[in-house]
């Protein structure tokens, strides 16, 4: 279960990565529904992290959470995956020593930087459906395994470019 400090950190990540802005454009009756989205997102994150803690997290459970948020809030699969995968990624990185056995099943958050790095045609998160998401994750998994890494390591591309853009490299 996430404590309030973790919730604040992850909420800051959602805001700074503009995930909520993207989702807010899609959701009708924004304020009330966006609050509901945040609440449901953190319920899914709590569930996934509990599964990580018990070493019983599976890829299917991640996909189920993505699908639930997509369906409940009428957002795209791409938008839903970004919110879940980004928070899970940062949780994993902050507490990595506790979760080594989960590393290989965590997904790389898909965004424009990752798509560009894969030499894929530009596509908006709002246009990514389940099939496209699965194709991108397979491409990431294949690329990562050729380089002796796991899919979540592929997102280092985003982190490194962000650090560089902000003059911190």
N, C-alpha and C. Protein backbone atom coordinates (compact mmCIF):
# COMPACT_ATOMS: atom_id res chain seq x y z
N UNK A 1 0.85 -1.18 0.00
CA UNK A 1 0.00 0.00 0.00
C UNK A 1 0.89 1.24 0.00
N UNK A 2 0.58 2.17 -0.89
CA UNK A 2 1.35 3.42 -0.96
C UNK A 2 1.06 4.29 0.24
N UNK A 3 2.10 4.91 0.78
CA UNK A 3 1.88 5.90 1.83
C UNK A 3 1.66 7.27 1.18
N UNK A 4 1.30 8.26 1.96
CA UNK A 4 0.99 9.58 1.41
C UNK A 4 2.20 10.24 0.76
N UNK A 5 3.39 10.01 1.28
CA UNK A 5 4.59 10.55 0.66
C UNK A 5 4.75 9.99 -0.76
N UNK A 6 4.60 8.67 -0.89
CA UNK A 6 4.70 8.05 -2.21
C UNK A 6 3.62 8.57 -3.14
N UNK A 7 2.41 8.69 -2.64
CA UNK A 7 1.30 9.21 -3.47
C UNK A 7 1.63 10.62 -3.98
N UNK A 8 2.17 11.47 -3.13
CA UNK A 8 2.53 12.83 -3.55
C UNK A 8 3.64 12.82 -4.59
N UNK A 9 4.64 11.97 -4.39
CA UNK A 9 5.72 11.88 -5.37
C UNK A 9 5.15 11.42 -6.72
N UNK A 10 4.32 10.38 -6.70
CA UNK A 10 3.78 9.85 -7.95
C UNK A 10 2.80 10.81 -8.60
N UNK A 11 2.07 11.56 -7.80
CA UNK A 11 1.19 12.59 -8.35
C UNK A 11 2.02 13.69 -9.02
N UNK A 12 3.13 14.06 -8.42
CA UNK A 12 4.03 15.05 -9.03
C UNK A 12 4.57 14.54 -10.36
N UNK A 13 4.90 13.25 -10.41
CA UNK A 13 5.38 12.66 -11.67
C UNK A 13 4.28 12.71 -12.73
N UNK A 14 3.05 12.38 -12.36
CA UNK A 14 1.94 12.46 -13.32
C UNK A 14 1.80 13.88 -13.87
N UNK A 15 1.90 14.86 -12.98
CA UNK A 15 1.75 16.25 -13.42
C UNK A 15 2.93 16.71 -14.26
N UNK A 16 4.14 16.37 -13.85
CA UNK A 16 5.31 16.86 -14.58
C UNK A 16 5.48 16.20 -15.94
N UNK A 17 5.00 14.99 -16.09
CA UNK A 17 5.10 14.31 -17.38
C UNK A 17 3.89 14.62 -18.28
N UNK A 18 3.01 15.44 -17.82
CA UNK A 18 1.83 15.91 -18.56
C UNK A 18 0.88 14.80 -18.95
N UNK A 19 0.94 13.68 -18.25
CA UNK A 19 0.02 12.58 -18.50
C UNK A 19 -1.41 13.03 -18.22
N UNK A 20 -1.61 13.70 -17.10
CA UNK A 20 -2.97 14.13 -16.74
C UNK A 20 -3.52 15.16 -17.72
N UNK A 21 -2.65 15.98 -18.27
CA UNK A 21 -3.12 16.97 -19.26
C UNK A 21 -3.65 16.26 -20.50
N UNK A 22 -2.92 15.24 -20.94
CA UNK A 22 -3.34 14.47 -22.11
C UNK A 22 -4.67 13.77 -21.85
N UNK A 23 -4.79 13.17 -20.67
CA UNK A 23 -6.01 12.45 -20.32
C UNK A 23 -7.16 13.43 -20.12
N UNK A 24 -6.89 14.59 -19.53
CA UNK A 24 -7.91 15.60 -19.29
C UNK A 24 -8.55 16.10 -20.58
N UNK A 25 -7.81 16.09 -21.67
CA UNK A 25 -8.37 16.51 -22.96
C UNK A 25 -9.42 15.52 -23.45
N UNK A 26 -9.30 14.28 -23.04
CA UNK A 26 -10.20 13.23 -23.52
C UNK A 26 -11.42 13.05 -22.63
N UNK A 27 -11.26 13.31 -21.34
CA UNK A 27 -12.33 13.07 -20.37
C UNK A 27 -13.32 14.22 -20.37
N UNK A 28 -14.58 13.88 -20.41
CA UNK A 28 -15.65 14.88 -20.30
C UNK A 28 -15.93 15.15 -18.83
N UNK A 29 -16.54 16.32 -18.51
CA UNK A 29 -16.79 16.71 -17.12
C UNK A 29 -15.49 16.60 -16.34
N UNK A 30 -14.50 17.33 -16.82
CA UNK A 30 -13.10 17.14 -16.45
C UNK A 30 -12.80 17.05 -14.97
N UNK A 31 -13.17 18.04 -14.19
CA UNK A 31 -12.71 18.08 -12.80
C UNK A 31 -13.14 16.84 -12.03
N UNK A 32 -14.43 16.53 -12.07
CA UNK A 32 -14.94 15.38 -11.32
C UNK A 32 -14.36 14.08 -11.85
N UNK A 33 -14.35 13.92 -13.16
CA UNK A 33 -13.87 12.67 -13.75
C UNK A 33 -12.35 12.53 -13.61
N UNK A 34 -11.62 13.63 -13.71
CA UNK A 34 -10.18 13.56 -13.55
C UNK A 34 -9.82 13.16 -12.12
N UNK A 35 -10.59 13.67 -11.16
CA UNK A 35 -10.39 13.23 -9.77
C UNK A 35 -10.67 11.73 -9.65
N UNK A 36 -11.72 11.27 -10.30
CA UNK A 36 -12.05 9.83 -10.30
C UNK A 36 -10.96 9.02 -10.98
N UNK A 37 -10.42 9.56 -12.06
CA UNK A 37 -9.32 8.87 -12.75
C UNK A 37 -8.12 8.71 -11.82
N UNK A 38 -7.73 9.80 -11.17
CA UNK A 38 -6.59 9.73 -10.26
C UNK A 38 -6.83 8.69 -9.16
N UNK A 39 -8.03 8.73 -8.60
CA UNK A 39 -8.37 7.77 -7.53
C UNK A 39 -8.27 6.33 -8.03
N UNK A 40 -8.86 6.06 -9.18
CA UNK A 40 -8.83 4.71 -9.75
C UNK A 40 -7.41 4.31 -10.16
N UNK A 41 -6.66 5.24 -10.70
CA UNK A 41 -5.28 4.96 -11.07
C UNK A 41 -4.48 4.52 -9.84
N UNK A 42 -4.61 5.26 -8.75
CA UNK A 42 -3.85 4.92 -7.56
C UNK A 42 -4.35 3.62 -6.92
N UNK A 43 -5.61 3.29 -7.09
CA UNK A 43 -6.10 1.98 -6.63
C UNK A 43 -5.41 0.87 -7.44
N UNK A 44 -5.30 1.07 -8.75
CA UNK A 44 -4.62 0.08 -9.59
C UNK A 44 -3.14 -0.01 -9.23
N UNK A 45 -2.51 1.13 -9.01
CA UNK A 45 -1.08 1.15 -8.64
C UNK A 45 -0.88 0.42 -7.30
N UNK A 46 -1.75 0.71 -6.33
CA UNK A 46 -1.66 0.02 -5.03
C UNK A 46 -1.74 -1.49 -5.23
N UNK A 47 -2.68 -1.93 -6.08
CA UNK A 47 -2.86 -3.36 -6.32
C UNK A 47 -1.62 -3.96 -6.97
N UNK A 48 -1.10 -3.27 -7.99
CA UNK A 48 0.08 -3.79 -8.69
C UNK A 48 1.31 -3.83 -7.79
N UNK A 49 1.47 -2.81 -6.96
CA UNK A 49 2.62 -2.78 -6.06
C UNK A 49 2.49 -3.85 -4.99
N UNK A 50 1.28 -4.11 -4.52
CA UNK A 50 1.07 -5.21 -3.56
C UNK A 50 1.47 -6.53 -4.19
N UNK A 51 1.14 -6.70 -5.46
CA UNK A 51 1.54 -7.92 -6.16
C UNK A 51 3.06 -7.97 -6.34
N UNK A 52 3.68 -6.82 -6.60
CA UNK A 52 5.14 -6.78 -6.68
C UNK A 52 5.74 -7.19 -5.33
N UNK A 53 5.18 -6.64 -4.26
CA UNK A 53 5.68 -6.94 -2.92
C UNK A 53 5.61 -8.44 -2.61
N UNK A 54 4.55 -9.08 -3.07
CA UNK A 54 4.39 -10.52 -2.80
C UNK A 54 5.05 -11.39 -3.86
N UNK A 55 5.75 -10.76 -4.80
CA UNK A 55 6.44 -11.47 -5.88
C UNK A 55 5.48 -12.27 -6.76
N UNK A 56 4.25 -11.75 -6.90
CA UNK A 56 3.26 -12.47 -7.71
C UNK A 56 2.70 -11.62 -8.86
N UNK A 57 3.37 -10.53 -9.17
CA UNK A 57 2.94 -9.68 -10.29
C UNK A 57 3.17 -10.41 -11.60
N UNK A 58 2.20 -10.30 -12.50
CA UNK A 58 2.35 -10.88 -13.84
C UNK A 58 2.06 -9.81 -14.88
N UNK A 59 2.52 -10.07 -16.08
CA UNK A 59 2.27 -9.16 -17.19
C UNK A 59 0.76 -9.01 -17.42
N UNK A 60 0.02 -10.09 -17.28
CA UNK A 60 -1.44 -10.05 -17.48
C UNK A 60 -2.11 -9.10 -16.49
N UNK A 61 -1.60 -9.01 -15.27
CA UNK A 61 -2.19 -8.11 -14.29
C UNK A 61 -1.94 -6.65 -14.65
N UNK A 62 -0.78 -6.37 -15.21
CA UNK A 62 -0.49 -5.02 -15.69
C UNK A 62 -1.45 -4.67 -16.83
N UNK A 63 -1.59 -5.58 -17.78
CA UNK A 63 -2.49 -5.36 -18.92
C UNK A 63 -3.94 -5.20 -18.46
N UNK A 64 -4.34 -5.95 -17.46
CA UNK A 64 -5.70 -5.83 -16.92
C UNK A 64 -5.94 -4.43 -16.35
N UNK A 65 -4.97 -3.91 -15.60
CA UNK A 65 -5.10 -2.57 -15.04
C UNK A 65 -5.19 -1.51 -16.13
N UNK A 66 -4.37 -1.65 -17.16
CA UNK A 66 -4.41 -0.71 -18.28
C UNK A 66 -5.79 -0.75 -18.93
N UNK A 67 -6.29 -1.94 -19.19
CA UNK A 67 -7.61 -2.10 -19.82
C UNK A 67 -8.74 -1.55 -18.97
N UNK A 68 -8.68 -1.75 -17.66
CA UNK A 68 -9.73 -1.25 -16.77
C UNK A 68 -9.82 0.28 -16.81
N UNK A 69 -8.67 0.95 -16.73
CA UNK A 69 -8.69 2.42 -16.78
C UNK A 69 -9.18 2.92 -18.13
N UNK A 70 -8.72 2.27 -19.20
CA UNK A 70 -9.15 2.65 -20.54
C UNK A 70 -10.66 2.59 -20.66
N UNK A 71 -11.22 1.47 -20.25
CA UNK A 71 -12.65 1.25 -20.38
C UNK A 71 -13.46 2.19 -19.48
N UNK A 72 -13.06 2.31 -18.24
CA UNK A 72 -13.83 3.10 -17.28
C UNK A 72 -13.85 4.59 -17.62
N UNK A 73 -12.76 5.10 -18.20
CA UNK A 73 -12.67 6.54 -18.42
C UNK A 73 -12.70 6.94 -19.89
N UNK A 74 -12.87 5.98 -20.78
CA UNK A 74 -12.99 6.30 -22.20
C UNK A 74 -11.74 6.94 -22.78
N UNK A 75 -10.59 6.55 -22.26
CA UNK A 75 -9.33 7.06 -22.79
C UNK A 75 -8.71 5.98 -23.66
N UNK A 76 -7.65 6.33 -24.35
CA UNK A 76 -7.00 5.34 -25.21
C UNK A 76 -6.14 4.39 -24.39
N UNK A 77 -5.83 3.28 -24.99
CA UNK A 77 -4.94 2.32 -24.37
C UNK A 77 -3.58 2.96 -24.13
N UNK A 78 -3.14 3.79 -25.09
CA UNK A 78 -1.85 4.48 -24.97
C UNK A 78 -1.80 5.42 -23.78
N UNK A 79 -2.88 6.16 -23.55
CA UNK A 79 -2.92 7.07 -22.40
C UNK A 79 -2.94 6.30 -21.09
N UNK A 80 -3.72 5.24 -21.05
CA UNK A 80 -3.84 4.44 -19.84
C UNK A 80 -2.50 3.77 -19.50
N UNK A 81 -1.84 3.19 -20.49
CA UNK A 81 -0.57 2.51 -20.24
C UNK A 81 0.48 3.48 -19.74
N UNK A 82 0.47 4.69 -20.27
CA UNK A 82 1.49 5.67 -19.87
C UNK A 82 1.37 5.98 -18.37
N UNK A 83 0.14 6.22 -17.91
CA UNK A 83 -0.06 6.55 -16.50
C UNK A 83 0.39 5.40 -15.60
N UNK A 84 0.00 4.20 -15.92
CA UNK A 84 0.36 3.04 -15.09
C UNK A 84 1.86 2.73 -15.20
N UNK A 85 2.36 2.63 -16.41
CA UNK A 85 3.75 2.22 -16.59
C UNK A 85 4.76 3.22 -16.05
N UNK A 86 4.46 4.51 -16.14
CA UNK A 86 5.39 5.52 -15.62
C UNK A 86 5.48 5.41 -14.10
N UNK A 87 4.36 5.32 -13.43
CA UNK A 87 4.40 5.25 -11.97
C UNK A 87 5.04 3.95 -11.50
N UNK A 88 4.69 2.84 -12.14
CA UNK A 88 5.30 1.56 -11.77
C UNK A 88 6.81 1.62 -12.02
N UNK A 89 7.22 2.24 -13.11
CA UNK A 89 8.65 2.35 -13.41
C UNK A 89 9.38 3.11 -12.30
N UNK A 90 8.84 4.25 -11.90
CA UNK A 90 9.52 5.03 -10.86
C UNK A 90 9.47 4.32 -9.51
N UNK A 91 8.38 3.64 -9.22
CA UNK A 91 8.33 2.87 -7.98
C UNK A 91 9.41 1.78 -8.01
N UNK A 92 9.48 1.09 -9.11
CA UNK A 92 10.50 0.05 -9.26
C UNK A 92 11.90 0.63 -9.08
N UNK A 93 12.18 1.74 -9.75
CA UNK A 93 13.52 2.34 -9.67
C UNK A 93 13.85 2.82 -8.26
N UNK A 94 12.87 3.37 -7.55
CA UNK A 94 13.12 3.84 -6.19
C UNK A 94 13.37 2.70 -5.21
N UNK A 95 12.75 1.56 -5.47
CA UNK A 95 12.84 0.42 -4.54
C UNK A 95 13.36 -0.83 -5.24
N UNK A 96 14.21 -0.61 -6.24
CA UNK A 96 14.66 -1.69 -7.12
C UNK A 96 15.23 -2.90 -6.38
N UNK A 97 15.95 -2.68 -5.32
CA UNK A 97 16.57 -3.82 -4.61
C UNK A 97 15.52 -4.80 -4.09
N UNK A 98 14.28 -4.31 -3.88
CA UNK A 98 13.21 -5.18 -3.39
C UNK A 98 12.48 -5.92 -4.51
N UNK A 99 12.70 -5.51 -5.76
CA UNK A 99 11.85 -6.00 -6.85
C UNK A 99 12.61 -6.64 -8.01
N UNK A 100 13.82 -7.08 -7.80
CA UNK A 100 14.60 -7.63 -8.91
C UNK A 100 13.85 -8.72 -9.68
N UNK A 101 13.07 -9.53 -8.99
CA UNK A 101 12.36 -10.63 -9.66
C UNK A 101 11.23 -10.12 -10.55
N UNK A 102 10.80 -8.87 -10.38
CA UNK A 102 9.73 -8.31 -11.20
C UNK A 102 10.24 -7.59 -12.45
N UNK A 103 11.53 -7.34 -12.52
CA UNK A 103 12.08 -6.48 -13.57
C UNK A 103 11.73 -6.94 -14.98
N UNK A 104 11.79 -8.22 -15.24
CA UNK A 104 11.59 -8.70 -16.60
C UNK A 104 10.15 -8.60 -17.09
N UNK A 105 9.18 -8.44 -16.18
CA UNK A 105 7.78 -8.37 -16.63
C UNK A 105 7.25 -6.94 -16.72
N UNK A 106 8.01 -5.98 -16.19
CA UNK A 106 7.55 -4.59 -16.25
C UNK A 106 7.68 -4.05 -17.67
N UNK A 107 6.72 -3.24 -18.06
CA UNK A 107 6.70 -2.68 -19.41
C UNK A 107 7.37 -1.32 -19.47
N UNK A 108 7.92 -1.02 -20.60
CA UNK A 108 8.47 0.30 -20.86
C UNK A 108 7.30 1.24 -21.16
N UNK A 109 7.21 2.39 -20.47
CA UNK A 109 6.16 3.35 -20.83
C UNK A 109 6.37 3.84 -22.26
N UNK A 110 5.31 3.83 -23.04
CA UNK A 110 5.39 4.27 -24.44
C UNK A 110 5.10 5.76 -24.50
N UNK A 111 5.97 6.49 -25.18
CA UNK A 111 5.76 7.91 -25.45
C UNK A 111 6.49 8.26 -26.74
N UNK A 112 6.47 9.53 -27.11
CA UNK A 112 7.06 9.94 -28.40
C UNK A 112 8.56 9.67 -28.46
N UNK A 113 9.27 9.83 -27.35
CA UNK A 113 10.73 9.57 -27.35
C UNK A 113 11.02 8.09 -27.60
N UNK A 114 10.27 7.23 -26.96
CA UNK A 114 10.46 5.79 -27.13
C UNK A 114 10.11 5.38 -28.56
N UNK A 115 9.01 5.91 -29.07
CA UNK A 115 8.59 5.59 -30.44
C UNK A 115 9.66 6.04 -31.44
N UNK A 116 10.21 7.23 -31.23
CA UNK A 116 11.27 7.74 -32.11
C UNK A 116 12.51 6.85 -32.03
N UNK A 117 12.88 6.43 -30.83
CA UNK A 117 14.05 5.58 -30.63
C UNK A 117 13.88 4.23 -31.33
N UNK A 118 12.65 3.77 -31.45
CA UNK A 118 12.36 2.50 -32.13
C UNK A 118 12.26 2.66 -33.65
N UNK A 119 12.44 3.89 -34.14
CA UNK A 119 12.31 4.20 -35.56
C UNK A 119 10.92 3.85 -36.09
N UNK A 120 9.92 4.12 -35.27
CA UNK A 120 8.52 3.89 -35.64
C UNK A 120 7.92 5.20 -36.14
N UNK A 121 6.90 5.12 -36.98
CA UNK A 121 6.21 6.35 -37.39
C UNK A 121 5.60 7.05 -36.17
N UNK A 122 5.64 8.36 -36.19
CA UNK A 122 5.10 9.15 -35.09
C UNK A 122 3.62 8.82 -34.90
N UNK A 123 3.23 8.62 -33.64
CA UNK A 123 1.83 8.32 -33.32
C UNK A 123 1.52 8.93 -31.95
N UNK A 124 0.36 9.50 -31.84
CA UNK A 124 -0.09 10.09 -30.58
C UNK A 124 -0.51 8.99 -29.63
N UNK A 125 -0.31 9.22 -28.32
CA UNK A 125 -0.77 8.25 -27.32
C UNK A 125 -2.26 7.98 -27.46
N UNK A 126 -3.01 8.99 -27.84
CA UNK A 126 -4.46 8.83 -27.96
C UNK A 126 -4.85 7.92 -29.13
N UNK A 127 -3.89 7.61 -29.99
CA UNK A 127 -4.15 6.74 -31.14
C UNK A 127 -3.62 5.32 -30.93
N UNK A 128 -2.97 5.07 -29.80
CA UNK A 128 -2.41 3.74 -29.56
C UNK A 128 -3.49 2.85 -28.95
N UNK A 129 -3.81 1.78 -29.69
CA UNK A 129 -4.77 0.79 -29.18
C UNK A 129 -4.00 -0.42 -28.64
N UNK A 130 -4.71 -1.42 -28.19
CA UNK A 130 -4.09 -2.60 -27.58
C UNK A 130 -3.15 -3.29 -28.55
N UNK A 131 -3.57 -3.45 -29.79
CA UNK A 131 -2.74 -4.13 -30.79
C UNK A 131 -1.42 -3.38 -31.02
N UNK A 132 -1.51 -2.07 -31.19
CA UNK A 132 -0.30 -1.26 -31.41
C UNK A 132 0.60 -1.30 -30.18
N UNK A 133 -0.02 -1.23 -29.00
CA UNK A 133 0.74 -1.29 -27.76
C UNK A 133 1.50 -2.62 -27.66
N UNK A 134 0.82 -3.72 -27.94
CA UNK A 134 1.46 -5.04 -27.89
C UNK A 134 2.61 -5.12 -28.89
N UNK A 135 2.42 -4.57 -30.10
CA UNK A 135 3.48 -4.57 -31.12
C UNK A 135 4.69 -3.77 -30.64
N UNK A 136 4.43 -2.59 -30.06
CA UNK A 136 5.54 -1.76 -29.57
C UNK A 136 6.27 -2.44 -28.41
N UNK A 137 5.53 -3.05 -27.50
CA UNK A 137 6.19 -3.73 -26.38
C UNK A 137 7.02 -4.92 -26.87
N UNK A 138 6.53 -5.63 -27.89
CA UNK A 138 7.30 -6.75 -28.44
C UNK A 138 8.59 -6.22 -29.08
N UNK A 139 8.50 -5.12 -29.81
CA UNK A 139 9.69 -4.53 -30.42
C UNK A 139 10.69 -4.11 -29.34
N UNK A 140 10.18 -3.50 -28.28
CA UNK A 140 11.05 -3.09 -27.16
C UNK A 140 11.70 -4.30 -26.51
N UNK A 141 10.90 -5.33 -26.27
CA UNK A 141 11.42 -6.54 -25.62
C UNK A 141 12.52 -7.18 -26.48
N UNK A 142 12.29 -7.26 -27.80
CA UNK A 142 13.29 -7.83 -28.70
C UNK A 142 14.57 -7.00 -28.70
N UNK A 143 14.43 -5.68 -28.79
CA UNK A 143 15.58 -4.79 -28.79
C UNK A 143 16.35 -4.89 -27.47
N UNK A 144 15.62 -4.86 -26.37
CA UNK A 144 16.25 -4.90 -25.05
C UNK A 144 16.99 -6.22 -24.85
N UNK A 145 16.36 -7.33 -25.23
CA UNK A 145 17.00 -8.63 -25.00
C UNK A 145 18.27 -8.77 -25.83
N UNK A 146 18.30 -8.21 -27.04
CA UNK A 146 19.51 -8.24 -27.87
C UNK A 146 20.66 -7.50 -27.19
N UNK A 147 20.31 -6.55 -26.33
CA UNK A 147 21.32 -5.75 -25.64
C UNK A 147 21.49 -6.15 -24.18
N UNK A 148 20.96 -7.34 -23.83
CA UNK A 148 21.12 -7.86 -22.48
C UNK A 148 20.37 -7.08 -21.42
N UNK A 149 19.26 -6.47 -21.81
CA UNK A 149 18.48 -5.66 -20.88
C UNK A 149 17.04 -6.15 -20.82
N UNK A 150 16.28 -5.57 -19.92
CA UNK A 150 14.85 -5.85 -19.85
C UNK A 150 14.10 -4.67 -20.46
N UNK A 151 12.82 -4.85 -20.79
CA UNK A 151 12.05 -3.77 -21.42
C UNK A 151 12.03 -2.46 -20.62
N UNK A 152 11.98 -2.54 -19.31
CA UNK A 152 11.92 -1.31 -18.52
C UNK A 152 13.21 -0.50 -18.65
N UNK A 153 14.33 -1.17 -18.94
CA UNK A 153 15.59 -0.45 -19.14
C UNK A 153 15.56 0.41 -20.40
N UNK A 154 14.71 0.03 -21.35
CA UNK A 154 14.64 0.80 -22.60
C UNK A 154 14.18 2.23 -22.33
N UNK A 155 13.42 2.43 -21.26
CA UNK A 155 12.93 3.78 -20.96
C UNK A 155 14.03 4.70 -20.45
N UNK A 156 15.23 4.19 -20.26
CA UNK A 156 16.35 5.06 -19.92
C UNK A 156 16.54 6.11 -21.01
N UNK A 157 16.10 5.80 -22.23
CA UNK A 157 16.16 6.76 -23.34
C UNK A 157 15.44 8.05 -22.94
N UNK A 158 14.22 7.91 -22.41
CA UNK A 158 13.43 9.08 -22.01
C UNK A 158 14.14 9.83 -20.89
N UNK A 159 14.59 9.10 -19.88
CA UNK A 159 15.24 9.74 -18.73
C UNK A 159 16.49 10.50 -19.16
N UNK A 160 17.31 9.87 -19.98
CA UNK A 160 18.55 10.51 -20.42
C UNK A 160 18.29 11.75 -21.25
N UNK A 161 17.30 11.70 -22.13
CA UNK A 161 16.98 12.88 -22.95
C UNK A 161 16.40 14.00 -22.10
N UNK A 162 15.61 13.65 -21.10
CA UNK A 162 15.05 14.66 -20.20
C UNK A 162 16.16 15.35 -19.41
N UNK A 163 17.09 14.57 -18.91
CA UNK A 163 18.22 15.13 -18.17
C UNK A 163 19.04 16.04 -19.07
N UNK A 164 19.27 15.60 -20.29
CA UNK A 164 20.04 16.39 -21.25
C UNK A 164 19.31 17.70 -21.60
N UNK A 165 18.00 17.60 -21.88
CA UNK A 165 17.21 18.80 -22.22
C UNK A 165 17.25 19.85 -21.13
N UNK A 166 17.37 19.38 -19.90
CA UNK A 166 17.36 20.30 -18.76
C UNK A 166 18.75 20.68 -18.29
N UNK A 167 19.75 20.39 -19.11
CA UNK A 167 21.13 20.80 -18.83
C UNK A 167 21.75 20.14 -17.62
N UNK A 168 21.33 18.92 -17.32
CA UNK A 168 21.85 18.23 -16.14
C UNK A 168 22.79 17.08 -16.47
N UNK A 169 23.18 16.95 -17.74
CA UNK A 169 24.06 15.83 -18.10
C UNK A 169 25.51 16.24 -18.03
